[in-house]
Amino acid sequence: MYIAWSKKHSHYVLLDIMAHIPSVATIAEYFRLGIQTGLIQPENAIAWADSEIAVAAPPADGIIEVAWSSSPASTMEALLAVPGERDKQLAGRWLLGLLGKSDLNSEDALEAAAKRALYIARDAELGDETYAQFNAIDDLISLASTKTYGTFEQCKSELTSTLLRIAQGVQFPPI
């Protein structure tokens, strides 16, 4: 906790800086969901765990198990076992932001990204409205691929803007 002067309100405010630092469990959830959707490789989670071990004495519970994991399944299991409060929605928004920065220059990449966005919205519990938005975009991509309605460029624009809008204002994980 620290005290800061608020120019807007002309008084001091008490800020909890720890409230803005995501938990280790939330970062573990980011990696777990990322691996589950194919957006992140297990090696990235293991590298994160190794870096946590290098800087933390002792490392947070469960981190050593992530570092020692030897397969995608064991990595996901170890990430799920990291104790603490998980902010699934924050982890999901991080992943959508990462997905929004990916290369979507082919129809296959665009279709895969839309499917990943659907899975992330569902698994990160981002709500029915967010899921419906990605479902509608997925439908538009299907229509554009059969030349029934819309174009690839319109779909790409819609998906990218939706991904970045949902991830807007979220600071990416401190990794």
Foldseek 3Di string as FASTA:
>chain_A
DDWDADPVVGGIDDDDPVVQADDLLQVLLLQLLCLVLVNDDLVVLLVVLVVQPVPDVHGQPLSVQCVPDDDNVSNSVSSNPRDDDHQLLLSLLLSLLSLLPDDPPDLVSLLSSLVSNLSSCVVSVVDDVSNVQSVVLNVVSVCQVVPNDDHSVVSNVSSSVSSCVSSPPRDHHPD
